[in-house]
Amino acid sequence: MMTSEPVLQDSFNDTIRALVQALDLHEPGEAGHSERVSVYATATGHELGMSYDDLIDLRRAAALHDIGKISVNPTTLRKLGDLSEEELEELRSHALMAMRIVESFEWLRPTVPMIRHHHERWDGEGYPDGLAGDQIPLGARIIGACEAFDVLLTGSPWRHAVDDDEALAELRRCAGAQFDPDVVAAFAKVQPLIQPVGN
């Protein structure tokens, strides 16, 4: 019996939800982060003219961009203050660990470059490969900006939360250095239209 397309898509979505739930259990303070980033990223990609198939891959990549944090010690994730060099390296490894998790699923392989490079910077000062500008996959550039916006809104152990206007101002301030200016401009257009996703 052939599996119908809707059933197959449901199976794919269930797999992604299960992986995200596992991450939320490992890092409960960030529950909902992946879902919010996937909504922001998909809207931004649409504004930038990405195709339907590319938007599906982008949404999946955004949902799974932090799945590698499952391999990071929770104490490191929640530590207040400066991280040691060893702890910083452990935290930075999450992009590569996420890549290794998702590349085992053939249907998720298009997400691998976006996940691997979502912490690269427009100016080339990011990680893991120090890519710059258009060398960074568009999806990764989108996820990086959308993730930063959500972290600014929700806060972290080392930074207090800010409101939408302050978060957007910070993205604009960092456009051309940390973020792709075109991505920030597209996000700024769609962000007011996005319905809040529950925390």
N, C-alpha and C. Protein backbone atom coordinates (compact mmCIF):
# COMPACT_ATOMS: atom_id res chain seq x y z
N MET A 1 0.85 -1.19 0.00
CA MET A 1 0.00 0.00 0.00
C MET A 1 0.89 1.24 0.00
N MET A 2 0.58 2.22 -0.87
CA MET A 2 1.35 3.44 -0.94
C MET A 2 0.89 4.40 0.16
N THR A 3 1.85 5.09 0.76
CA THR A 3 1.51 6.08 1.78
C THR A 3 1.08 7.37 1.10
N SER A 4 -0.07 7.90 1.48
CA SER A 4 -0.54 9.13 0.86
C SER A 4 0.31 10.31 1.33
N GLU A 5 0.36 11.36 0.51
CA GLU A 5 1.16 12.54 0.83
C GLU A 5 0.75 13.18 2.16
N PRO A 6 -0.56 13.38 2.43
CA PRO A 6 -0.94 13.99 3.72
C PRO A 6 -0.48 13.17 4.92
N VAL A 7 -0.60 11.85 4.83
CA VAL A 7 -0.16 10.99 5.93
C VAL A 7 1.34 11.12 6.14
N LEU A 8 2.08 11.16 5.03
CA LEU A 8 3.53 11.30 5.12
C LEU A 8 3.91 12.64 5.75
N GLN A 9 3.22 13.71 5.35
CA GLN A 9 3.50 15.02 5.93
C GLN A 9 3.18 15.04 7.42
N ASP A 10 2.10 14.38 7.81
CA ASP A 10 1.76 14.29 9.24
C ASP A 10 2.87 13.58 10.01
N SER A 11 3.42 12.54 9.41
CA SER A 11 4.51 11.81 10.06
C SER A 11 5.74 12.70 10.21
N PHE A 12 6.05 13.47 9.16
CA PHE A 12 7.17 14.40 9.23
C PHE A 12 6.96 15.41 10.35
N ASN A 13 5.75 15.99 10.40
CA ASN A 13 5.45 17.00 11.40
C ASN A 13 5.51 16.43 12.81
N ASP A 14 5.01 15.19 12.96
CA ASP A 14 5.07 14.54 14.27
C ASP A 14 6.51 14.33 14.72
N THR A 15 7.39 13.98 13.79
CA THR A 15 8.81 13.79 14.11
C THR A 15 9.42 15.10 14.59
N ILE A 16 9.14 16.18 13.88
CA ILE A 16 9.68 17.49 14.28
C ILE A 16 9.15 17.89 15.64
N ARG A 17 7.85 17.70 15.88
CA ARG A 17 7.27 18.05 17.18
C ARG A 17 7.92 17.25 18.31
N ALA A 18 8.17 15.96 18.06
CA ALA A 18 8.79 15.12 19.09
C ALA A 18 10.20 15.59 19.40
N LEU A 19 10.96 15.97 18.38
CA LEU A 19 12.32 16.46 18.61
C LEU A 19 12.30 17.78 19.37
N VAL A 20 11.39 18.68 19.00
CA VAL A 20 11.30 19.97 19.69
C VAL A 20 10.84 19.78 21.12
N GLN A 21 9.92 18.84 21.35
CA GLN A 21 9.47 18.58 22.72
C GLN A 21 10.62 18.05 23.58
N ALA A 22 11.46 17.20 22.99
CA ALA A 22 12.62 16.69 23.73
C ALA A 22 13.54 17.84 24.13
N LEU A 23 13.73 18.81 23.24
CA LEU A 23 14.56 19.97 23.56
C LEU A 23 13.90 20.81 24.64
N ASP A 24 12.59 21.03 24.55
CA ASP A 24 11.89 21.81 25.57
C ASP A 24 12.00 21.17 26.95
N LEU A 25 11.99 19.85 27.00
CA LEU A 25 12.14 19.16 28.29
C LEU A 25 13.56 19.32 28.83
N HIS A 26 14.53 19.36 27.92
CA HIS A 26 15.94 19.52 28.32
C HIS A 26 16.21 20.96 28.76
N GLU A 27 15.55 21.90 28.12
CA GLU A 27 15.77 23.32 28.41
C GLU A 27 14.41 24.01 28.56
N PRO A 28 13.69 23.75 29.67
CA PRO A 28 12.32 24.24 29.82
C PRO A 28 12.19 25.76 29.79
N GLY A 29 13.25 26.47 30.12
CA GLY A 29 13.20 27.92 30.09
C GLY A 29 13.03 28.50 28.70
N GLU A 30 13.27 27.70 27.67
CA GLU A 30 13.13 28.17 26.29
C GLU A 30 11.98 27.49 25.56
N ALA A 31 11.05 26.91 26.30
CA ALA A 31 9.90 26.26 25.68
C ALA A 31 9.16 27.26 24.79
N GLY A 32 8.86 26.86 23.59
CA GLY A 32 8.15 27.72 22.65
C GLY A 32 9.07 28.53 21.74
N HIS A 33 10.35 28.62 22.09
CA HIS A 33 11.29 29.42 21.30
C HIS A 33 11.37 28.92 19.86
N SER A 34 11.51 27.64 19.67
CA SER A 34 11.66 27.09 18.32
C SER A 34 10.43 27.36 17.47
N GLU A 35 9.25 27.22 18.07
CA GLU A 35 8.01 27.46 17.32
C GLU A 35 7.92 28.93 16.90
N ARG A 36 8.25 29.83 17.83
CA ARG A 36 8.18 31.25 17.49
C ARG A 36 9.18 31.61 16.38
N VAL A 37 10.39 31.09 16.48
CA VAL A 37 11.38 31.38 15.46
C VAL A 37 10.93 30.85 14.10
N SER A 38 10.30 29.68 14.08
CA SER A 38 9.84 29.12 12.80
C SER A 38 8.75 29.98 12.18
N VAL A 39 7.87 30.56 13.00
CA VAL A 39 6.82 31.45 12.48
C VAL A 39 7.45 32.73 11.93
N TYR A 40 8.34 33.35 12.70
CA TYR A 40 9.01 34.57 12.24
C TYR A 40 9.78 34.30 10.93
N ALA A 41 10.52 33.19 10.91
CA ALA A 41 11.37 32.89 9.76
C ALA A 41 10.55 32.64 8.50
N THR A 42 9.47 31.90 8.63
CA THR A 42 8.64 31.60 7.46
C THR A 42 8.04 32.88 6.88
N ALA A 43 7.56 33.75 7.74
CA ALA A 43 6.99 35.02 7.28
C ALA A 43 8.06 35.88 6.60
N THR A 44 9.26 35.90 7.16
CA THR A 44 10.35 36.69 6.58
C THR A 44 10.78 36.11 5.24
N GLY A 45 10.90 34.79 5.17
CA GLY A 45 11.25 34.15 3.90
C GLY A 45 10.23 34.42 2.82
N HIS A 46 8.96 34.40 3.19
CA HIS A 46 7.90 34.70 2.22
C HIS A 46 8.05 36.13 1.72
N GLU A 47 8.32 37.06 2.62
CA GLU A 47 8.51 38.46 2.22
C GLU A 47 9.69 38.62 1.26
N LEU A 48 10.70 37.77 1.43
CA LEU A 48 11.89 37.82 0.58
C LEU A 48 11.72 37.04 -0.73
N GLY A 49 10.53 36.44 -0.92
CA GLY A 49 10.23 35.79 -2.19
C GLY A 49 10.69 34.35 -2.31
N MET A 50 10.92 33.67 -1.21
CA MET A 50 11.32 32.28 -1.26
C MET A 50 10.18 31.42 -1.81
N SER A 51 10.53 30.34 -2.49
CA SER A 51 9.53 29.44 -3.06
C SER A 51 8.84 28.65 -1.96
N TYR A 52 7.71 28.04 -2.33
CA TYR A 52 6.94 27.24 -1.37
C TYR A 52 7.80 26.12 -0.77
N ASP A 53 8.51 25.38 -1.62
CA ASP A 53 9.33 24.27 -1.13
C ASP A 53 10.45 24.78 -0.22
N ASP A 54 11.06 25.91 -0.59
CA ASP A 54 12.12 26.46 0.25
C ASP A 54 11.58 26.94 1.59
N LEU A 55 10.34 27.45 1.59
CA LEU A 55 9.73 27.89 2.84
C LEU A 55 9.46 26.70 3.77
N ILE A 56 9.08 25.57 3.20
CA ILE A 56 8.88 24.37 4.02
C ILE A 56 10.19 23.96 4.68
N ASP A 57 11.27 23.94 3.89
CA ASP A 57 12.58 23.60 4.45
C ASP A 57 13.01 24.62 5.50
N LEU A 58 12.75 25.89 5.25
CA LEU A 58 13.11 26.94 6.21
C LEU A 58 12.35 26.77 7.51
N ARG A 59 11.06 26.49 7.42
CA ARG A 59 10.26 26.32 8.64
C ARG A 59 10.78 25.13 9.46
N ARG A 60 11.13 24.06 8.78
CA ARG A 60 11.66 22.89 9.49
C ARG A 60 13.02 23.21 10.13
N ALA A 61 13.87 23.90 9.38
CA ALA A 61 15.19 24.26 9.91
C ALA A 61 15.05 25.17 11.12
N ALA A 62 14.15 26.13 11.04
CA ALA A 62 13.95 27.06 12.16
C ALA A 62 13.42 26.33 13.39
N ALA A 63 12.54 25.36 13.17
CA ALA A 63 12.00 24.60 14.30
C ALA A 63 13.08 23.76 14.98
N LEU A 64 14.07 23.32 14.21
CA LEU A 64 15.07 22.40 14.73
C LEU A 64 16.45 23.03 14.92
N HIS A 65 16.56 24.36 14.76
CA HIS A 65 17.89 24.97 14.77
C HIS A 65 18.66 24.77 16.07
N ASP A 66 17.94 24.63 17.19
CA ASP A 66 18.60 24.49 18.49
C ASP A 66 18.59 23.05 19.03
N ILE A 67 18.17 22.09 18.22
CA ILE A 67 18.02 20.73 18.74
C ILE A 67 19.34 20.17 19.28
N GLY A 68 20.46 20.67 18.78
CA GLY A 68 21.76 20.22 19.27
C GLY A 68 22.03 20.58 20.71
N LYS A 69 21.24 21.50 21.28
CA LYS A 69 21.43 21.86 22.69
C LYS A 69 21.09 20.70 23.62
N ILE A 70 20.44 19.67 23.09
CA ILE A 70 20.19 18.46 23.87
C ILE A 70 21.52 17.89 24.38
N SER A 71 22.59 18.12 23.61
CA SER A 71 23.90 17.57 23.97
C SER A 71 24.69 18.48 24.91
N VAL A 72 24.15 19.67 25.21
CA VAL A 72 24.86 20.64 26.05
C VAL A 72 24.41 20.48 27.50
N ASN A 73 25.36 20.54 28.41
CA ASN A 73 25.05 20.43 29.84
C ASN A 73 24.06 21.52 30.24
N PRO A 74 22.92 21.16 30.87
CA PRO A 74 21.94 22.18 31.28
C PRO A 74 22.53 23.25 32.18
N THR A 75 23.53 22.91 32.98
CA THR A 75 24.18 23.90 33.84
C THR A 75 24.84 25.00 33.00
N THR A 76 25.43 24.60 31.90
CA THR A 76 26.04 25.58 30.99
C THR A 76 24.98 26.46 30.36
N LEU A 77 23.86 25.86 29.96
CA LEU A 77 22.79 26.62 29.31
C LEU A 77 22.20 27.67 30.25
N ARG A 78 22.18 27.39 31.54
CA ARG A 78 21.51 28.28 32.49
C ARG A 78 22.47 29.11 33.32
N LYS A 79 23.76 29.02 33.02
CA LYS A 79 24.76 29.70 33.84
C LYS A 79 24.63 31.22 33.73
N LEU A 80 24.69 31.88 34.88
CA LEU A 80 24.72 33.33 34.92
C LEU A 80 26.17 33.79 34.83
N GLY A 81 26.39 34.91 34.17
CA GLY A 81 27.75 35.43 34.10
C GLY A 81 28.51 34.84 32.93
N ASP A 82 29.80 35.15 32.91
CA ASP A 82 30.65 34.72 31.79
C ASP A 82 30.87 33.22 31.78
N LEU A 83 30.90 32.66 30.56
CA LEU A 83 31.22 31.26 30.39
C LEU A 83 32.72 31.09 30.23
N SER A 84 33.25 29.97 30.72
CA SER A 84 34.64 29.66 30.48
C SER A 84 34.83 29.35 29.00
N GLU A 85 36.07 29.31 28.54
CA GLU A 85 36.34 28.98 27.14
C GLU A 85 35.80 27.59 26.81
N GLU A 86 35.94 26.66 27.75
CA GLU A 86 35.45 25.30 27.54
C GLU A 86 33.93 25.28 27.43
N GLU A 87 33.26 26.03 28.32
CA GLU A 87 31.79 26.11 28.28
C GLU A 87 31.32 26.80 27.01
N LEU A 88 32.03 27.82 26.57
CA LEU A 88 31.67 28.52 25.35
C LEU A 88 31.77 27.60 24.14
N GLU A 89 32.82 26.80 24.10
CA GLU A 89 32.98 25.85 23.00
C GLU A 89 31.87 24.80 23.02
N GLU A 90 31.51 24.34 24.23
CA GLU A 90 30.41 23.37 24.35
C GLU A 90 29.12 23.98 23.82
N LEU A 91 28.83 25.22 24.19
CA LEU A 91 27.61 25.87 23.74
C LEU A 91 27.62 26.06 22.23
N ARG A 92 28.76 26.48 21.71
CA ARG A 92 28.85 26.72 20.27
C ARG A 92 28.74 25.43 19.45
N SER A 93 29.00 24.30 20.09
CA SER A 93 28.93 23.02 19.37
C SER A 93 27.50 22.63 19.02
N HIS A 94 26.51 23.34 19.57
CA HIS A 94 25.13 22.90 19.38
C HIS A 94 24.69 22.96 17.92
N ALA A 95 25.25 23.88 17.13
CA ALA A 95 24.87 23.97 15.72
C ALA A 95 25.33 22.73 14.96
N LEU A 96 26.55 22.28 15.24
CA LEU A 96 27.07 21.09 14.57
C LEU A 96 26.36 19.83 15.06
N MET A 97 26.04 19.79 16.35
CA MET A 97 25.30 18.63 16.89
C MET A 97 23.90 18.56 16.28
N ALA A 98 23.26 19.72 16.13
CA ALA A 98 21.93 19.75 15.51
C ALA A 98 22.01 19.23 14.08
N MET A 99 23.05 19.65 13.37
CA MET A 99 23.25 19.21 12.00
C MET A 99 23.37 17.69 11.94
N ARG A 100 24.12 17.12 12.86
CA ARG A 100 24.32 15.67 12.86
C ARG A 100 23.02 14.93 13.16
N ILE A 101 22.18 15.52 14.00
CA ILE A 101 20.89 14.88 14.31
C ILE A 101 19.98 14.88 13.08
N VAL A 102 19.84 16.03 12.44
CA VAL A 102 18.86 16.13 11.36
C VAL A 102 19.33 15.47 10.07
N GLU A 103 20.64 15.40 9.84
CA GLU A 103 21.10 14.83 8.57
C GLU A 103 20.86 13.33 8.49
N SER A 104 20.48 12.71 9.61
CA SER A 104 20.17 11.29 9.58
C SER A 104 18.80 11.02 8.96
N PHE A 105 18.00 12.09 8.80
CA PHE A 105 16.70 11.98 8.14
C PHE A 105 16.84 12.53 6.72
N GLU A 106 16.64 11.70 5.72
CA GLU A 106 16.84 12.14 4.34
C GLU A 106 15.98 13.35 4.00
N TRP A 107 14.74 13.37 4.46
CA TRP A 107 13.83 14.47 4.14
C TRP A 107 14.18 15.77 4.84
N LEU A 108 15.08 15.71 5.83
CA LEU A 108 15.53 16.92 6.51
C LEU A 108 16.88 17.44 6.01
N ARG A 109 17.48 16.72 5.07
CA ARG A 109 18.82 17.12 4.62
C ARG A 109 18.88 18.53 4.02
N PRO A 110 17.82 19.02 3.36
CA PRO A 110 17.89 20.41 2.87
C PRO A 110 18.01 21.44 3.99
N THR A 111 17.68 21.05 5.23
CA THR A 111 17.77 22.00 6.35
C THR A 111 19.18 22.10 6.91
N VAL A 112 20.05 21.15 6.56
CA VAL A 112 21.37 21.07 7.20
C VAL A 112 22.19 22.35 7.06
N PRO A 113 22.33 22.94 5.85
CA PRO A 113 23.13 24.17 5.76
C PRO A 113 22.56 25.31 6.59
N MET A 114 21.23 25.41 6.65
CA MET A 114 20.61 26.48 7.43
C MET A 114 20.88 26.31 8.92
N ILE A 115 20.80 25.08 9.38
CA ILE A 115 21.04 24.80 10.80
C ILE A 115 22.51 24.98 11.15
N ARG A 116 23.38 24.46 10.30
CA ARG A 116 24.82 24.56 10.58
C ARG A 116 25.27 26.02 10.69
N HIS A 117 24.71 26.88 9.85
CA HIS A 117 25.26 28.23 9.72
C HIS A 117 24.40 29.33 10.36
N HIS A 118 23.44 28.97 11.23
CA HIS A 118 22.56 30.02 11.74
C HIS A 118 23.23 30.96 12.74
N HIS A 119 24.45 30.64 13.17
CA HIS A 119 25.21 31.56 14.04
C HIS A 119 26.37 32.23 13.31
N GLU A 120 26.40 32.12 12.00
CA GLU A 120 27.35 32.93 11.24
C GLU A 120 26.88 34.39 11.29
N ARG A 121 27.81 35.30 11.04
CA ARG A 121 27.49 36.72 11.04
C ARG A 121 27.76 37.34 9.67
N TRP A 122 27.00 38.36 9.33
CA TRP A 122 27.16 39.04 8.06
C TRP A 122 28.59 39.53 7.85
N ASP A 123 29.26 39.93 8.96
CA ASP A 123 30.63 40.45 8.86
C ASP A 123 31.70 39.35 8.93
N GLY A 124 31.29 38.10 9.02
CA GLY A 124 32.24 36.99 9.02
C GLY A 124 32.79 36.62 10.38
N GLU A 125 32.25 37.23 11.45
CA GLU A 125 32.78 36.98 12.79
C GLU A 125 32.00 35.91 13.55
N GLY A 126 31.13 35.18 12.86
CA GLY A 126 30.33 34.16 13.53
C GLY A 126 30.98 32.79 13.49
N TYR A 127 30.19 31.76 13.76
CA TYR A 127 30.68 30.38 13.81
C TYR A 127 29.63 29.45 13.22
N PRO A 128 30.00 28.25 12.78
CA PRO A 128 31.28 27.54 13.02
C PRO A 128 32.35 27.78 11.96
N ASP A 129 32.00 28.39 10.81
CA ASP A 129 32.93 28.45 9.69
C ASP A 129 33.39 29.85 9.31
N GLY A 130 32.91 30.87 10.01
CA GLY A 130 33.32 32.23 9.70
C GLY A 130 32.89 32.71 8.33
N LEU A 131 31.75 32.22 7.84
CA LEU A 131 31.23 32.69 6.56
C LEU A 131 30.76 34.13 6.69
N ALA A 132 30.73 34.84 5.56
CA ALA A 132 30.32 36.24 5.57
C ALA A 132 29.38 36.53 4.41
N GLY A 133 28.52 37.52 4.61
CA GLY A 133 27.65 37.99 3.54
C GLY A 133 26.86 36.88 2.87
N ASP A 134 26.84 36.91 1.54
CA ASP A 134 26.04 35.96 0.77
C ASP A 134 26.61 34.54 0.80
N GLN A 135 27.80 34.35 1.40
CA GLN A 135 28.30 32.98 1.59
C GLN A 135 27.39 32.22 2.55
N ILE A 136 26.73 32.93 3.43
CA ILE A 136 25.85 32.31 4.42
C ILE A 136 24.52 31.98 3.73
N PRO A 137 24.03 30.75 3.84
CA PRO A 137 22.74 30.42 3.22
C PRO A 137 21.65 31.39 3.68
N LEU A 138 20.78 31.78 2.77
CA LEU A 138 19.74 32.74 3.10
C LEU A 138 18.91 32.28 4.29
N GLY A 139 18.54 31.00 4.31
CA GLY A 139 17.75 30.50 5.42
C GLY A 139 18.44 30.66 6.75
N ALA A 140 19.75 30.45 6.77
CA ALA A 140 20.52 30.63 8.00
C ALA A 140 20.53 32.08 8.44
N ARG A 141 20.63 33.00 7.48
CA ARG A 141 20.61 34.43 7.80
C ARG A 141 19.25 34.82 8.39
N ILE A 142 18.20 34.25 7.85
CA ILE A 142 16.85 34.53 8.35
C ILE A 142 16.69 33.98 9.77
N ILE A 143 17.08 32.73 9.98
CA ILE A 143 16.94 32.13 11.30
C ILE A 143 17.75 32.91 12.34
N GLY A 144 18.97 33.32 11.98
CA GLY A 144 19.80 34.05 12.92
C GLY A 144 19.15 35.33 13.41
N ALA A 145 18.56 36.09 12.50
CA ALA A 145 17.91 37.34 12.89
C ALA A 145 16.63 37.08 13.70
N CYS A 146 15.83 36.10 13.26
CA CYS A 146 14.59 35.80 13.96
C CYS A 146 14.85 35.24 15.35
N GLU A 147 15.88 34.41 15.47
CA GLU A 147 16.22 33.88 16.79
C GLU A 147 16.65 35.01 17.72
N ALA A 148 17.47 35.92 17.22
CA ALA A 148 17.93 37.04 18.05
C ALA A 148 16.75 37.87 18.53
N PHE A 149 15.78 38.12 17.66
CA PHE A 149 14.60 38.89 18.04
C PHE A 149 13.86 38.19 19.18
N ASP A 150 13.66 36.88 19.05
CA ASP A 150 12.92 36.15 20.09
C ASP A 150 13.68 36.13 21.41
N VAL A 151 15.00 35.96 21.36
CA VAL A 151 15.80 35.98 22.58
C VAL A 151 15.71 37.34 23.26
N LEU A 152 15.74 38.41 22.46
CA LEU A 152 15.60 39.75 23.03
C LEU A 152 14.25 39.94 23.70
N LEU A 153 13.19 39.40 23.10
CA LEU A 153 11.84 39.54 23.67
C LEU A 153 11.66 38.75 24.95
N THR A 154 12.23 37.56 24.99
CA THR A 154 11.98 36.65 26.11
C THR A 154 13.06 36.72 27.19
N GLY A 155 14.21 37.32 26.86
CA GLY A 155 15.28 37.40 27.84
C GLY A 155 16.06 36.10 27.93
N SER A 156 17.09 36.12 28.76
CA SER A 156 17.96 34.97 28.96
C SER A 156 18.61 35.09 30.33
N PRO A 157 19.34 34.06 30.76
CA PRO A 157 19.99 34.17 32.08
C PRO A 157 20.94 35.36 32.18
N TRP A 158 21.41 35.88 31.04
CA TRP A 158 22.39 36.97 31.09
C TRP A 158 21.85 38.29 30.52
N ARG A 159 20.57 38.34 30.17
CA ARG A 159 20.04 39.57 29.58
C ARG A 159 18.56 39.69 29.86
N HIS A 160 18.11 40.87 30.30
CA HIS A 160 16.69 41.07 30.57
C HIS A 160 15.91 41.20 29.27
N ALA A 161 14.63 40.88 29.35
CA ALA A 161 13.76 40.96 28.17
C ALA A 161 13.46 42.41 27.83
N VAL A 162 13.23 42.67 26.53
CA VAL A 162 12.84 44.00 26.08
C VAL A 162 11.53 43.87 25.28
N ASP A 163 10.94 45.02 24.93
CA ASP A 163 9.70 44.96 24.17
C ASP A 163 9.99 44.89 22.66
N ASP A 164 8.93 44.78 21.88
CA ASP A 164 9.07 44.61 20.43
C ASP A 164 9.88 45.73 19.79
N ASP A 165 9.57 46.96 20.16
CA ASP A 165 10.24 48.11 19.55
C ASP A 165 11.73 48.10 19.85
N GLU A 166 12.09 47.80 21.09
CA GLU A 166 13.51 47.76 21.46
C GLU A 166 14.23 46.62 20.74
N ALA A 167 13.56 45.46 20.65
CA ALA A 167 14.18 44.31 19.98
C ALA A 167 14.41 44.61 18.50
N LEU A 168 13.42 45.22 17.86
CA LEU A 168 13.56 45.56 16.44
C LEU A 168 14.65 46.62 16.23
N ALA A 169 14.73 47.57 17.15
CA ALA A 169 15.78 48.59 17.07
C ALA A 169 17.17 47.96 17.18
N GLU A 170 17.29 46.93 18.01
CA GLU A 170 18.57 46.25 18.16
C GLU A 170 18.95 45.50 16.89
N LEU A 171 17.97 44.85 16.25
CA LEU A 171 18.25 44.18 14.98
C LEU A 171 18.71 45.19 13.94
N ARG A 172 18.04 46.32 13.89
CA ARG A 172 18.43 47.35 12.91
C ARG A 172 19.83 47.89 13.22
N ARG A 173 20.14 48.05 14.50
CA ARG A 173 21.46 48.54 14.88
C ARG A 173 22.56 47.58 14.43
N CYS A 174 22.26 46.29 14.48
CA CYS A 174 23.26 45.27 14.14
C CYS A 174 23.22 44.85 12.67
N ALA A 175 22.29 45.42 11.88
CA ALA A 175 22.23 45.12 10.45
C ALA A 175 23.50 45.61 9.77
N GLY A 176 24.07 44.76 8.94
CA GLY A 176 25.31 45.09 8.27
C GLY A 176 26.54 44.61 9.02
N ALA A 177 26.36 44.20 10.26
CA ALA A 177 27.45 43.62 11.04
C ALA A 177 27.08 42.19 11.40
N GLN A 178 26.12 42.03 12.31
CA GLN A 178 25.69 40.68 12.68
C GLN A 178 24.68 40.11 11.69
N PHE A 179 23.79 40.96 11.20
CA PHE A 179 22.67 40.48 10.38
C PHE A 179 22.69 41.05 8.97
N ASP A 180 22.12 40.28 8.04
CA ASP A 180 21.91 40.70 6.67
C ASP A 180 20.91 41.87 6.67
N PRO A 181 21.28 43.04 6.17
CA PRO A 181 20.35 44.18 6.18
C PRO A 181 19.03 43.90 5.47
N ASP A 182 19.06 43.13 4.37
CA ASP A 182 17.83 42.83 3.64
C ASP A 182 16.91 41.94 4.46
N VAL A 183 17.49 41.02 5.22
CA VAL A 183 16.69 40.16 6.08
C VAL A 183 16.04 40.98 7.19
N VAL A 184 16.80 41.87 7.79
CA VAL A 184 16.25 42.72 8.85
C VAL A 184 15.13 43.59 8.31
N ALA A 185 15.31 44.15 7.12
CA ALA A 185 14.27 44.98 6.51
C ALA A 185 13.00 44.18 6.25
N ALA A 186 13.15 42.96 5.74
CA ALA A 186 11.99 42.10 5.48
C ALA A 186 11.30 41.71 6.77
N PHE A 187 12.08 41.36 7.79
CA PHE A 187 11.50 41.01 9.09
C PHE A 187 10.73 42.18 9.67
N ALA A 188 11.29 43.39 9.55
CA ALA A 188 10.62 44.57 10.09
C ALA A 188 9.27 44.80 9.44
N LYS A 189 9.12 44.42 8.17
CA LYS A 189 7.84 44.57 7.48
C LYS A 189 6.79 43.59 7.99
N VAL A 190 7.21 42.34 8.23
CA VAL A 190 6.22 41.31 8.57
C VAL A 190 5.98 41.20 10.07
N GLN A 191 6.93 41.59 10.89
CA GLN A 191 6.82 41.37 12.34
C GLN A 191 5.53 41.94 12.95
N PRO A 192 5.12 43.15 12.57
CA PRO A 192 3.87 43.67 13.17
C PRO A 192 2.64 42.88 12.80
N LEU A 193 2.70 42.09 11.73
CA LEU A 193 1.55 41.33 11.24
C LEU A 193 1.45 39.94 11.84
N ILE A 194 2.50 39.52 12.55
CA ILE A 194 2.54 38.15 13.08
C ILE A 194 1.79 38.07 14.40
N GLN A 195 0.86 37.14 14.48
CA GLN A 195 0.14 36.92 15.73
C GLN A 195 1.09 36.30 16.76
N PRO A 196 1.07 36.79 17.99
CA PRO A 196 1.96 36.22 19.02
C PRO A 196 1.74 34.73 19.19
N VAL A 197 2.85 34.00 19.34
CA VAL A 197 2.79 32.55 19.59
C VAL A 197 3.02 32.37 21.07
N GLY A 198 2.24 31.51 21.72
CA GLY A 198 2.32 31.33 23.16
C GLY A 198 3.70 30.99 23.66
N ASN A 199 4.03 31.50 24.85
CA ASN A 199 5.33 31.22 25.47
C ASN A 199 5.31 29.85 26.12
